[in-house]
């Protein structure tokens, strides 16, 4: 009987709303740690992401980036601001 091996989550997945897919996207853009997201410009991140993908990415990704930068830039967090949809325009 084989034991299932549980894959360890990447540090970035500790951020609410960040799963494996967005983690891969962030790493591709050069953000490899929570600390690397501190005080970044979410709009610039989104623009770079769209450029790398070669298309206009769903705007919800911008909201996730806003939430991630908020999480990384603050030691204490308002629970409402840890929901990506709270960051809509």
Protein backbone atom coordinates (compact mmCIF):
# COMPACT_ATOMS: atom_id res chain seq x y z
CA UNK A 1 0.00 0.00 0.00
CA UNK A 2 1.44 3.38 -1.01
CA UNK A 3 1.32 6.25 1.39
CA UNK A 4 0.06 9.45 -0.12
CA UNK A 5 2.62 12.21 0.00
CA UNK A 6 1.14 15.54 0.92
CA UNK A 7 2.75 18.33 -1.04
CA UNK A 8 3.86 21.22 1.13
CA UNK A 9 2.25 24.55 0.32
CA UNK A 10 4.40 27.39 -0.91
CA UNK A 11 4.82 30.33 1.48
CA UNK A 12 2.77 32.56 -0.84
CA UNK A 13 -0.24 30.28 -0.36
CA UNK A 14 -0.46 31.50 3.23
CA UNK A 15 -1.94 34.70 1.78
CA UNK A 16 -5.75 34.55 1.63
CA UNK A 17 -6.94 34.05 -1.94
CA UNK A 18 -3.59 32.77 -3.22
CA UNK A 19 -3.57 29.21 -4.50
CA UNK A 20 -1.14 27.21 -6.63
CA UNK A 21 -2.00 28.98 -9.89
CA UNK A 22 -1.52 32.55 -8.62
CA UNK A 23 1.58 31.37 -6.74
CA UNK A 24 3.08 30.21 -10.05
CA UNK A 25 2.17 33.54 -11.64
CA UNK A 26 3.76 35.54 -8.81
CA UNK A 27 6.94 33.46 -8.95
CA UNK A 28 7.09 33.94 -12.72
CA UNK A 29 6.98 37.71 -12.09
CA UNK A 30 9.77 37.49 -9.52
CA UNK A 31 7.76 37.55 -6.29
CA UNK A 32 8.95 34.44 -4.48
CA UNK A 33 8.18 35.32 -0.85
CA UNK A 34 5.56 37.21 1.10
CA UNK A 35 8.23 39.76 1.96
CA UNK A 36 8.91 40.37 -1.75
CA UNK A 37 5.31 41.62 -2.12
CA UNK A 38 5.64 44.24 0.63
CA UNK A 39 4.78 47.76 -0.59
CA UNK A 40 4.56 46.70 -4.24
CA UNK A 41 2.21 48.43 -6.71
CA UNK A 42 -0.64 46.00 -7.50
CA UNK A 43 -1.53 47.82 -10.73
CA UNK A 44 2.04 47.52 -12.02
CA UNK A 45 2.04 43.87 -11.02
CA UNK A 46 -1.20 43.30 -12.93
CA UNK A 47 0.11 45.14 -16.00
CA UNK A 48 3.28 43.01 -15.95
CA UNK A 49 1.18 39.86 -15.54
CA UNK A 50 -0.95 40.77 -18.57
CA UNK A 51 2.19 41.47 -20.59
CA UNK A 52 3.72 38.11 -19.64
CA UNK A 53 0.49 36.28 -20.53
CA UNK A 54 0.11 38.18 -23.79
CA UNK A 55 -3.51 39.08 -23.13
CA UNK A 56 -5.80 41.07 -20.87
CA UNK A 57 -6.10 38.88 -17.77
CA UNK A 58 -9.35 38.86 -15.78
CA UNK A 59 -9.46 41.95 -13.58
CA UNK A 60 -10.11 39.74 -10.53
CA UNK A 61 -6.38 38.96 -10.58
CA UNK A 62 -5.72 42.67 -9.87
CA UNK A 63 -7.98 42.41 -6.83
CA UNK A 64 -6.06 39.35 -5.62
CA UNK A 65 -2.77 41.25 -6.08
CA UNK A 66 -4.16 44.18 -4.06
CA UNK A 67 -5.12 41.81 -1.26
CA UNK A 68 -1.72 40.08 -1.36
CA UNK A 69 0.19 43.37 -1.17
CA UNK A 70 -2.04 44.48 1.73
CA UNK A 71 -1.33 41.21 3.55
CA UNK A 72 2.42 41.49 2.97
CA UNK A 73 2.62 45.18 3.88
CA UNK A 74 0.78 45.06 7.21
CA UNK A 75 1.39 43.17 10.43
CA UNK A 76 -2.22 43.28 11.57
CA UNK A 77 -5.09 42.75 9.16
CA UNK A 78 -8.70 43.83 8.90
CA UNK A 79 -10.53 40.53 8.21
CA UNK A 80 -12.68 42.21 5.53
CA UNK A 81 -9.57 43.32 3.64
CA UNK A 82 -8.35 39.71 3.50
CA UNK A 83 -11.15 38.91 1.05
CA UNK A 84 -9.98 39.60 -2.51
CA UNK A 85 -13.42 40.81 -3.58
CA UNK A 86 -13.13 43.64 -1.04
CA UNK A 87 -10.49 45.14 -3.37
CA UNK A 88 -12.76 45.68 -6.40
CA UNK A 89 -12.74 49.13 -7.99
